[in-house]
Amino acid sequence: MKFVDEAVVKVQAGDGGSGVVSFWREKFITKGGPDGGDGGDGGDVYIQADENLNTLIDYRFQRFYEAERGENGRGGNCTGKRGKDIVLRVPVGTRAVDIHTNEIVAEVAEHGKKVMVAKGGWHGLGNTRFKSSVNRAPRQRTLGTKGEIREIRLELLLLADVGMLGLPNAGKSTFIR
């Protein structure tokens, strides 16, 4: 198996769902109030350390990962479903660095540790949120915001188990064989 200690991936968090303009309609109730629901939040992107992995070879072939988008709201004050998160499993001791800013986004040093690398978009608001004593039938809503897009470099940091010191020509290489 080939050993890979560095990989570049592009991650995109899910967009937030939009709110909806809807009004309550029922038999004998012709002018019901607003009942438009909010959208769902977009899914986040995480990296999680896994002690069963020892290389980043999986991220050499698939370079784009996208979390799920939040659903739009619905009538009847129904909130849209939140988008599913995506978890990238990496070996223990992996560091995620943003390529454009050279900022260290995350570093996972313990098994099971989970760190967010891209935040999902915020949900949009339905017309129920805009009703007031003055405006009883609002026809406005907000759209969900875009999810974060990042291009990150995953670096596997290796720590040596043994160190050898010695004078030149002292037989260090022979000792290894």
N, C-alpha and C. Protein backbone atom coordinates (compact mmCIF):
# COMPACT_ATOMS: atom_id res chain seq x y z
N MET A 1 0.84 -1.18 0.00
CA MET A 1 0.00 0.00 0.00
C MET A 1 0.88 1.24 0.00
N LYS A 2 0.51 2.21 -0.83
CA LYS A 2 1.27 3.45 -0.95
C LYS A 2 0.99 4.35 0.26
N PHE A 3 2.03 5.01 0.76
CA PHE A 3 1.89 5.91 1.90
C PHE A 3 1.76 7.34 1.39
N VAL A 4 0.69 8.02 1.79
CA VAL A 4 0.45 9.41 1.39
C VAL A 4 0.30 10.24 2.66
N ASP A 5 1.10 11.30 2.77
CA ASP A 5 1.05 12.12 3.98
C ASP A 5 0.52 13.53 3.72
N GLU A 6 0.06 13.81 2.49
CA GLU A 6 -0.48 15.13 2.19
C GLU A 6 -1.52 15.00 1.07
N ALA A 7 -2.62 15.72 1.21
CA ALA A 7 -3.67 15.71 0.19
C ALA A 7 -4.39 17.05 0.21
N VAL A 8 -4.83 17.49 -0.96
CA VAL A 8 -5.58 18.74 -1.08
C VAL A 8 -7.02 18.40 -1.45
N VAL A 9 -7.97 18.91 -0.66
CA VAL A 9 -9.39 18.66 -0.92
C VAL A 9 -10.16 19.98 -0.85
N LYS A 10 -11.28 20.01 -1.57
CA LYS A 10 -12.17 21.16 -1.52
C LYS A 10 -13.43 20.71 -0.80
N VAL A 11 -13.83 21.44 0.23
CA VAL A 11 -15.02 21.09 1.00
C VAL A 11 -16.04 22.23 0.89
N GLN A 12 -17.31 21.84 0.82
CA GLN A 12 -18.38 22.83 0.75
C GLN A 12 -19.47 22.43 1.73
N ALA A 13 -19.76 23.34 2.65
CA ALA A 13 -20.86 23.11 3.59
C ALA A 13 -22.17 23.37 2.86
N GLY A 14 -23.26 22.82 3.37
CA GLY A 14 -24.56 22.96 2.72
C GLY A 14 -25.14 24.36 2.86
N ASP A 15 -25.88 24.78 1.86
CA ASP A 15 -26.57 26.06 1.90
C ASP A 15 -27.80 25.96 2.81
N GLY A 16 -28.19 27.07 3.39
CA GLY A 16 -29.39 27.09 4.21
C GLY A 16 -30.64 27.11 3.34
N GLY A 17 -31.70 26.48 3.82
CA GLY A 17 -32.97 26.47 3.09
C GLY A 17 -33.68 27.81 3.21
N SER A 18 -34.48 28.16 2.23
CA SER A 18 -35.18 29.44 2.22
C SER A 18 -36.50 29.36 2.98
N GLY A 19 -36.91 30.49 3.54
CA GLY A 19 -38.24 30.57 4.15
C GLY A 19 -39.29 30.64 3.06
N VAL A 20 -40.56 30.49 3.44
CA VAL A 20 -41.63 30.46 2.44
C VAL A 20 -42.74 31.44 2.82
N VAL A 21 -43.40 31.98 1.80
CA VAL A 21 -44.58 32.83 2.01
C VAL A 21 -45.81 31.95 1.82
N SER A 22 -46.60 31.81 2.87
CA SER A 22 -47.78 30.96 2.82
C SER A 22 -48.82 31.53 3.77
N PHE A 23 -50.10 31.28 3.45
CA PHE A 23 -51.17 31.77 4.30
C PHE A 23 -52.10 30.62 4.66
N TRP A 24 -52.67 30.70 5.84
CA TRP A 24 -53.54 29.65 6.37
C TRP A 24 -54.84 29.66 5.60
N ARG A 25 -55.18 28.52 4.99
CA ARG A 25 -56.43 28.39 4.23
C ARG A 25 -57.17 27.16 4.73
N GLU A 26 -58.44 27.35 5.00
CA GLU A 26 -59.29 26.26 5.47
C GLU A 26 -60.72 26.58 5.05
N LYS A 27 -61.58 25.61 5.10
CA LYS A 27 -62.98 25.83 4.75
C LYS A 27 -63.58 26.85 5.73
N PHE A 28 -64.27 27.80 5.22
CA PHE A 28 -64.91 28.89 5.98
C PHE A 28 -63.91 29.91 6.55
N ILE A 29 -62.62 29.73 6.34
CA ILE A 29 -61.62 30.72 6.78
C ILE A 29 -60.90 31.18 5.52
N THR A 30 -61.39 32.27 4.95
CA THR A 30 -60.84 32.73 3.67
C THR A 30 -59.61 33.60 3.83
N LYS A 31 -59.51 34.29 4.94
CA LYS A 31 -58.37 35.19 5.13
C LYS A 31 -57.62 34.84 6.40
N GLY A 32 -57.04 33.65 6.42
CA GLY A 32 -56.24 33.24 7.57
C GLY A 32 -54.92 34.00 7.60
N GLY A 33 -54.24 33.93 8.69
CA GLY A 33 -52.98 34.64 8.85
C GLY A 33 -51.82 33.92 8.17
N PRO A 34 -50.63 34.49 8.28
CA PRO A 34 -49.45 33.88 7.66
C PRO A 34 -49.06 32.59 8.39
N ASP A 35 -48.62 31.59 7.62
CA ASP A 35 -48.14 30.35 8.24
C ASP A 35 -46.95 29.77 7.48
N GLY A 36 -46.12 30.65 6.94
CA GLY A 36 -44.92 30.20 6.21
C GLY A 36 -43.81 29.82 7.17
N GLY A 37 -43.23 28.64 6.97
CA GLY A 37 -42.18 28.13 7.86
C GLY A 37 -40.79 28.56 7.45
N ASP A 38 -39.86 28.42 8.38
CA ASP A 38 -38.45 28.73 8.14
C ASP A 38 -37.79 27.58 7.39
N GLY A 39 -36.69 27.88 6.73
CA GLY A 39 -35.89 26.85 6.07
C GLY A 39 -35.01 26.13 7.08
N GLY A 40 -34.36 25.07 6.64
CA GLY A 40 -33.45 24.32 7.50
C GLY A 40 -32.02 24.81 7.34
N ASP A 41 -31.20 24.62 8.36
CA ASP A 41 -29.79 24.98 8.28
C ASP A 41 -29.05 24.02 7.36
N GLY A 42 -27.97 24.50 6.75
CA GLY A 42 -27.15 23.65 5.89
C GLY A 42 -26.24 22.77 6.73
N GLY A 43 -25.83 21.64 6.19
CA GLY A 43 -24.95 20.71 6.89
C GLY A 43 -23.53 21.24 7.00
N ASP A 44 -22.82 20.83 8.04
CA ASP A 44 -21.44 21.24 8.28
C ASP A 44 -20.48 20.16 7.78
N VAL A 45 -19.19 20.53 7.62
CA VAL A 45 -18.15 19.58 7.25
C VAL A 45 -17.18 19.47 8.42
N TYR A 46 -16.92 18.23 8.86
CA TYR A 46 -16.03 17.96 9.99
C TYR A 46 -14.89 17.05 9.54
N ILE A 47 -13.77 17.11 10.27
CA ILE A 47 -12.77 16.05 10.16
C ILE A 47 -12.71 15.36 11.52
N GLN A 48 -12.54 14.04 11.48
CA GLN A 48 -12.52 13.25 12.71
C GLN A 48 -11.33 12.31 12.68
N ALA A 49 -10.60 12.26 13.79
CA ALA A 49 -9.43 11.39 13.89
C ALA A 49 -9.86 9.94 14.10
N ASP A 50 -9.19 9.03 13.40
CA ASP A 50 -9.47 7.61 13.50
C ASP A 50 -8.14 6.87 13.60
N GLU A 51 -7.94 6.15 14.70
CA GLU A 51 -6.66 5.47 14.92
C GLU A 51 -6.48 4.25 14.01
N ASN A 52 -7.53 3.81 13.33
CA ASN A 52 -7.42 2.67 12.42
C ASN A 52 -6.88 3.08 11.05
N LEU A 53 -6.78 4.35 10.78
CA LEU A 53 -6.22 4.84 9.51
C LEU A 53 -4.78 5.27 9.74
N ASN A 54 -3.94 5.12 8.69
CA ASN A 54 -2.56 5.57 8.83
C ASN A 54 -2.05 6.31 7.60
N THR A 55 -2.92 6.60 6.64
CA THR A 55 -2.52 7.32 5.44
C THR A 55 -3.70 8.14 4.90
N LEU A 56 -3.40 9.11 4.06
CA LEU A 56 -4.42 9.97 3.46
C LEU A 56 -4.70 9.57 2.00
N ILE A 57 -4.45 8.33 1.65
CA ILE A 57 -4.59 7.87 0.27
C ILE A 57 -6.01 8.04 -0.26
N ASP A 58 -7.03 7.93 0.60
CA ASP A 58 -8.42 8.05 0.15
C ASP A 58 -8.73 9.43 -0.42
N TYR A 59 -8.02 10.45 0.03
CA TYR A 59 -8.29 11.82 -0.39
C TYR A 59 -7.49 12.23 -1.62
N ARG A 60 -6.70 11.31 -2.19
CA ARG A 60 -5.98 11.57 -3.43
C ARG A 60 -6.90 11.44 -4.64
N PHE A 61 -7.91 10.59 -4.53
CA PHE A 61 -8.75 10.27 -5.69
C PHE A 61 -10.04 11.07 -5.71
N GLN A 62 -10.66 11.27 -4.57
CA GLN A 62 -11.85 12.12 -4.51
C GLN A 62 -11.45 13.41 -3.81
N ARG A 63 -11.57 14.52 -4.53
CA ARG A 63 -11.05 15.79 -4.00
C ARG A 63 -12.13 16.80 -3.65
N PHE A 64 -13.40 16.46 -3.83
CA PHE A 64 -14.48 17.41 -3.52
C PHE A 64 -15.50 16.73 -2.63
N TYR A 65 -15.82 17.37 -1.50
CA TYR A 65 -16.78 16.84 -0.54
C TYR A 65 -17.79 17.93 -0.23
N GLU A 66 -19.08 17.55 -0.27
CA GLU A 66 -20.14 18.54 -0.09
C GLU A 66 -21.18 18.03 0.90
N ALA A 67 -21.50 18.87 1.88
CA ALA A 67 -22.55 18.53 2.85
C ALA A 67 -23.91 18.84 2.22
N GLU A 68 -24.96 18.31 2.84
CA GLU A 68 -26.31 18.44 2.29
C GLU A 68 -26.89 19.83 2.54
N ARG A 69 -27.70 20.28 1.60
CA ARG A 69 -28.38 21.57 1.70
C ARG A 69 -29.59 21.43 2.62
N GLY A 70 -29.92 22.51 3.35
CA GLY A 70 -31.13 22.50 4.17
C GLY A 70 -32.37 22.61 3.29
N GLU A 71 -33.46 21.98 3.72
CA GLU A 71 -34.70 22.04 2.93
C GLU A 71 -35.38 23.39 3.11
N ASN A 72 -36.18 23.77 2.14
CA ASN A 72 -36.97 25.00 2.24
C ASN A 72 -38.11 24.77 3.23
N GLY A 73 -38.60 25.87 3.81
CA GLY A 73 -39.75 25.78 4.71
C GLY A 73 -41.01 25.43 3.93
N ARG A 74 -42.09 25.14 4.66
CA ARG A 74 -43.37 24.81 4.02
C ARG A 74 -44.49 25.53 4.75
N GLY A 75 -45.67 25.48 4.18
CA GLY A 75 -46.84 26.07 4.82
C GLY A 75 -47.19 25.33 6.09
N GLY A 76 -48.07 25.91 6.89
CA GLY A 76 -48.44 25.29 8.17
C GLY A 76 -47.35 25.44 9.22
N ASN A 77 -46.51 26.46 9.07
CA ASN A 77 -45.39 26.73 9.98
C ASN A 77 -44.41 25.56 10.07
N CYS A 78 -44.27 24.80 8.99
CA CYS A 78 -43.34 23.66 8.97
C CYS A 78 -41.94 24.16 8.64
N THR A 79 -41.01 23.84 9.52
CA THR A 79 -39.61 24.19 9.31
C THR A 79 -38.97 23.13 8.42
N GLY A 80 -38.10 23.56 7.52
CA GLY A 80 -37.40 22.63 6.64
C GLY A 80 -36.40 21.79 7.42
N LYS A 81 -36.10 20.62 6.87
CA LYS A 81 -35.16 19.70 7.52
C LYS A 81 -33.73 20.22 7.39
N ARG A 82 -32.94 20.01 8.44
CA ARG A 82 -31.54 20.41 8.44
C ARG A 82 -30.76 19.49 7.51
N GLY A 83 -29.76 20.04 6.82
CA GLY A 83 -28.92 19.22 5.94
C GLY A 83 -28.01 18.31 6.75
N LYS A 84 -27.69 17.14 6.20
CA LYS A 84 -26.82 16.19 6.90
C LYS A 84 -25.38 16.67 6.86
N ASP A 85 -24.69 16.48 7.99
CA ASP A 85 -23.27 16.82 8.07
C ASP A 85 -22.47 15.76 7.34
N ILE A 86 -21.25 16.12 6.95
CA ILE A 86 -20.34 15.15 6.36
C ILE A 86 -19.09 15.11 7.23
N VAL A 87 -18.60 13.89 7.49
CA VAL A 87 -17.44 13.70 8.35
C VAL A 87 -16.34 13.04 7.53
N LEU A 88 -15.17 13.71 7.46
CA LEU A 88 -14.01 13.15 6.78
C LEU A 88 -13.13 12.47 7.82
N ARG A 89 -12.97 11.16 7.71
CA ARG A 89 -12.14 10.42 8.67
C ARG A 89 -10.69 10.49 8.23
N VAL A 90 -9.83 10.91 9.16
CA VAL A 90 -8.40 11.07 8.87
C VAL A 90 -7.59 10.39 9.97
N PRO A 91 -6.31 10.09 9.71
CA PRO A 91 -5.48 9.49 10.75
C PRO A 91 -5.23 10.46 11.91
N VAL A 92 -4.92 9.90 13.06
CA VAL A 92 -4.58 10.72 14.23
C VAL A 92 -3.31 11.51 13.91
N GLY A 93 -3.30 12.79 14.26
CA GLY A 93 -2.14 13.64 14.00
C GLY A 93 -2.23 14.37 12.67
N THR A 94 -3.43 14.56 12.16
CA THR A 94 -3.62 15.26 10.89
C THR A 94 -3.94 16.73 11.15
N ARG A 95 -3.38 17.58 10.32
CA ARG A 95 -3.61 19.02 10.41
C ARG A 95 -4.29 19.47 9.11
N ALA A 96 -5.29 20.33 9.23
CA ALA A 96 -5.98 20.90 8.07
C ALA A 96 -5.59 22.37 7.96
N VAL A 97 -5.04 22.76 6.79
CA VAL A 97 -4.57 24.12 6.57
C VAL A 97 -5.31 24.71 5.36
N ASP A 98 -5.86 25.92 5.52
CA ASP A 98 -6.52 26.60 4.41
C ASP A 98 -5.44 27.02 3.41
N ILE A 99 -5.62 26.64 2.15
CA ILE A 99 -4.60 26.89 1.13
C ILE A 99 -4.44 28.38 0.84
N HIS A 100 -5.52 29.13 0.81
CA HIS A 100 -5.47 30.54 0.40
C HIS A 100 -4.92 31.45 1.49
N THR A 101 -5.19 31.15 2.76
CA THR A 101 -4.75 32.02 3.85
C THR A 101 -3.61 31.44 4.67
N ASN A 102 -3.26 30.18 4.44
CA ASN A 102 -2.24 29.45 5.22
C ASN A 102 -2.58 29.41 6.71
N GLU A 103 -3.85 29.50 7.02
CA GLU A 103 -4.33 29.44 8.41
C GLU A 103 -4.58 27.98 8.78
N ILE A 104 -4.16 27.59 9.98
CA ILE A 104 -4.44 26.23 10.45
C ILE A 104 -5.90 26.19 10.89
N VAL A 105 -6.71 25.43 10.15
CA VAL A 105 -8.14 25.35 10.41
C VAL A 105 -8.42 24.40 11.55
N ALA A 106 -7.75 23.25 11.55
CA ALA A 106 -8.01 22.23 12.57
C ALA A 106 -6.79 21.33 12.71
N GLU A 107 -6.69 20.73 13.89
CA GLU A 107 -5.64 19.74 14.14
C GLU A 107 -6.24 18.69 15.06
N VAL A 108 -6.21 17.44 14.63
CA VAL A 108 -6.79 16.36 15.44
C VAL A 108 -5.66 15.45 15.92
N ALA A 109 -5.50 15.39 17.24
CA ALA A 109 -4.41 14.63 17.82
C ALA A 109 -4.88 13.44 18.65
N GLU A 110 -6.18 13.31 18.90
CA GLU A 110 -6.70 12.21 19.70
C GLU A 110 -7.73 11.44 18.90
N HIS A 111 -7.82 10.14 19.16
CA HIS A 111 -8.80 9.30 18.48
C HIS A 111 -10.22 9.77 18.81
N GLY A 112 -11.04 9.91 17.79
CA GLY A 112 -12.44 10.30 17.98
C GLY A 112 -12.68 11.80 18.02
N LYS A 113 -11.62 12.61 18.08
CA LYS A 113 -11.80 14.06 18.13
C LYS A 113 -12.37 14.56 16.80
N LYS A 114 -13.39 15.42 16.89
CA LYS A 114 -14.11 15.89 15.72
C LYS A 114 -14.06 17.42 15.69
N VAL A 115 -13.59 17.99 14.58
CA VAL A 115 -13.44 19.44 14.48
C VAL A 115 -14.10 19.93 13.18
N MET A 116 -14.84 21.04 13.28
CA MET A 116 -15.52 21.60 12.11
C MET A 116 -14.52 22.37 11.24
N VAL A 117 -14.57 22.12 9.91
CA VAL A 117 -13.71 22.84 8.99
C VAL A 117 -14.50 23.77 8.06
N ALA A 118 -15.81 23.54 7.91
CA ALA A 118 -16.65 24.42 7.10
C ALA A 118 -18.05 24.47 7.71
N LYS A 119 -18.55 25.68 7.93
CA LYS A 119 -19.85 25.89 8.58
C LYS A 119 -20.96 25.99 7.54
N GLY A 120 -22.07 25.32 7.83
CA GLY A 120 -23.23 25.34 6.93
C GLY A 120 -23.95 26.68 6.96
N GLY A 121 -24.74 26.94 5.93
CA GLY A 121 -25.47 28.20 5.81
C GLY A 121 -26.62 28.29 6.81
N TRP A 122 -27.00 29.52 7.13
CA TRP A 122 -28.07 29.80 8.08
C TRP A 122 -29.41 29.72 7.36
N HIS A 123 -30.45 29.29 8.06
CA HIS A 123 -31.77 29.13 7.45
C HIS A 123 -32.42 30.48 7.15
N GLY A 124 -33.29 30.49 6.14
CA GLY A 124 -34.08 31.68 5.82
C GLY A 124 -35.34 31.71 6.67
N LEU A 125 -35.95 32.87 6.81
CA LEU A 125 -37.13 33.03 7.66
C LEU A 125 -38.40 33.07 6.81
N GLY A 126 -39.45 32.43 7.29
CA GLY A 126 -40.75 32.44 6.62
C GLY A 126 -41.54 33.69 6.98
N ASN A 127 -42.69 33.88 6.31
CA ASN A 127 -43.44 35.11 6.53
C ASN A 127 -44.10 35.18 7.90
N THR A 128 -44.19 34.08 8.64
CA THR A 128 -44.73 34.13 10.01
C THR A 128 -43.86 35.02 10.90
N ARG A 129 -42.56 35.02 10.65
CA ARG A 129 -41.64 35.80 11.47
C ARG A 129 -41.79 37.31 11.28
N PHE A 130 -42.44 37.73 10.21
CA PHE A 130 -42.54 39.16 9.91
C PHE A 130 -43.90 39.76 10.27
N LYS A 131 -44.80 38.98 10.85
CA LYS A 131 -46.12 39.53 11.19
C LYS A 131 -46.01 40.42 12.42
N SER A 132 -46.85 41.43 12.45
CA SER A 132 -46.88 42.36 13.58
C SER A 132 -48.30 42.93 13.67
N SER A 133 -48.51 43.81 14.62
CA SER A 133 -49.84 44.41 14.77
C SER A 133 -50.16 45.34 13.60
N VAL A 134 -49.13 45.86 12.96
CA VAL A 134 -49.32 46.77 11.84
C VAL A 134 -49.40 46.01 10.52
N ASN A 135 -48.58 44.98 10.36
CA ASN A 135 -48.52 44.19 9.13
C ASN A 135 -48.98 42.77 9.44
N ARG A 136 -50.29 42.52 9.27
CA ARG A 136 -50.84 41.22 9.66
C ARG A 136 -50.75 40.17 8.56
N ALA A 137 -50.43 40.59 7.35
CA ALA A 137 -50.31 39.65 6.24
C ALA A 137 -49.03 39.94 5.45
N PRO A 138 -47.87 39.68 6.04
CA PRO A 138 -46.61 40.00 5.35
C PRO A 138 -46.37 39.07 4.16
N ARG A 139 -45.86 39.66 3.10
CA ARG A 139 -45.52 38.89 1.90
C ARG A 139 -44.01 38.94 1.68
N GLN A 140 -43.28 38.78 2.73
CA GLN A 140 -41.83 38.79 2.62
C GLN A 140 -41.25 37.58 3.33
N ARG A 141 -40.09 37.20 2.89
CA ARG A 141 -39.35 36.07 3.45
C ARG A 141 -37.87 36.34 3.21
N THR A 142 -37.01 35.54 3.82
CA THR A 142 -35.59 35.67 3.55
C THR A 142 -35.06 34.37 2.98
N LEU A 143 -34.03 34.48 2.19
CA LEU A 143 -33.38 33.31 1.60
C LEU A 143 -32.34 32.77 2.58
N GLY A 144 -32.03 31.50 2.46
CA GLY A 144 -30.96 30.92 3.28
C GLY A 144 -29.61 31.42 2.79
N THR A 145 -28.63 31.46 3.68
CA THR A 145 -27.29 31.92 3.29
C THR A 145 -26.49 30.76 2.72
N LYS A 146 -25.45 31.08 1.99
CA LYS A 146 -24.58 30.09 1.37
C LYS A 146 -23.71 29.42 2.42
N GLY A 147 -23.38 28.16 2.20
CA GLY A 147 -22.45 27.45 3.07
C GLY A 147 -21.02 27.84 2.75
N GLU A 148 -20.14 27.61 3.70
CA GLU A 148 -18.74 27.97 3.54
C GLU A 148 -18.06 27.02 2.54
N ILE A 149 -17.21 27.57 1.69
CA ILE A 149 -16.43 26.76 0.75
C ILE A 149 -14.96 26.99 1.08
N ARG A 150 -14.23 25.89 1.25
CA ARG A 150 -12.81 26.00 1.59
C ARG A 150 -12.00 24.98 0.81
N GLU A 151 -10.81 25.38 0.46
CA GLU A 151 -9.86 24.45 -0.13
C GLU A 151 -8.79 24.23 0.94
N ILE A 152 -8.70 23.00 1.42
CA ILE A 152 -7.80 22.72 2.54
C ILE A 152 -6.76 21.67 2.15
N ARG A 153 -5.61 21.80 2.79
CA ARG A 153 -4.53 20.82 2.62
C ARG A 153 -4.48 19.99 3.90
N LEU A 154 -4.65 18.69 3.76
CA LEU A 154 -4.55 17.78 4.90
C LEU A 154 -3.11 17.31 4.99
N GLU A 155 -2.48 17.53 6.14
CA GLU A 155 -1.09 17.13 6.35
C GLU A 155 -1.04 16.13 7.50
N LEU A 156 -0.42 14.99 7.26
CA LEU A 156 -0.25 14.00 8.31
C LEU A 156 1.09 14.25 8.99
N LEU A 157 1.04 14.60 10.27
CA LEU A 157 2.25 14.87 11.03
C LEU A 157 2.70 13.58 11.69
N LEU A 158 3.92 13.17 11.38
CA LEU A 158 4.43 11.92 11.92
C LEU A 158 5.43 12.19 13.03
N LEU A 159 5.33 11.44 14.09
CA LEU A 159 6.28 11.52 15.19
C LEU A 159 7.10 10.25 15.20
N ALA A 160 8.40 10.37 15.33
CA ALA A 160 9.28 9.20 15.34
C ALA A 160 9.17 8.48 16.68
N ASP A 161 9.21 7.16 16.63
CA ASP A 161 9.19 6.36 17.85
C ASP A 161 10.57 6.24 18.46
N VAL A 162 11.60 6.26 17.61
CA VAL A 162 12.98 6.07 18.07
C VAL A 162 13.85 7.12 17.41
N GLY A 163 14.80 7.66 18.16
CA GLY A 163 15.77 8.58 17.61
C GLY A 163 17.17 8.03 17.81
N MET A 164 18.05 8.24 16.81
CA MET A 164 19.42 7.73 16.92
C MET A 164 20.40 8.88 16.79
N LEU A 165 21.30 8.96 17.72
CA LEU A 165 22.36 9.96 17.68
C LEU A 165 23.70 9.24 17.65
N GLY A 166 24.66 9.84 16.99
CA GLY A 166 25.98 9.22 16.97
C GLY A 166 26.94 10.03 16.12
N LEU A 167 28.21 9.74 16.29
CA LEU A 167 29.25 10.40 15.52
C LEU A 167 29.22 9.91 14.08
N PRO A 168 29.80 10.68 13.16
CA PRO A 168 29.88 10.21 11.78
C PRO A 168 30.68 8.90 11.71
N ASN A 169 30.28 8.03 10.81
CA ASN A 169 30.94 6.73 10.59
C ASN A 169 30.97 5.88 11.85
N ALA A 170 29.95 5.98 12.69
CA ALA A 170 29.92 5.19 13.93
C ALA A 170 29.12 3.91 13.75
N GLY A 171 28.49 3.68 12.58
CA GLY A 171 27.77 2.44 12.34
C GLY A 171 26.28 2.52 12.61
N LYS A 172 25.70 3.70 12.49
CA LYS A 172 24.26 3.84 12.74
C LYS A 172 23.44 3.07 11.70
N SER A 173 23.82 3.14 10.45
CA SER A 173 23.09 2.44 9.40
C SER A 173 23.22 0.93 9.55
N THR A 174 24.37 0.47 9.96
CA THR A 174 24.58 -0.96 10.19
C THR A 174 23.70 -1.45 11.33
N PHE A 175 23.51 -0.63 12.31
CA PHE A 175 22.68 -0.99 13.46
C PHE A 175 21.22 -1.18 13.04
N ILE A 176 20.77 -0.40 12.08
CA ILE A 176 19.38 -0.50 11.61
C ILE A 176 19.16 -1.81 10.87
N ARG A 177 20.14 -2.24 10.08
CA ARG A 177 20.00 -3.50 9.34
C ARG A 177 20.03 -4.62 10.29
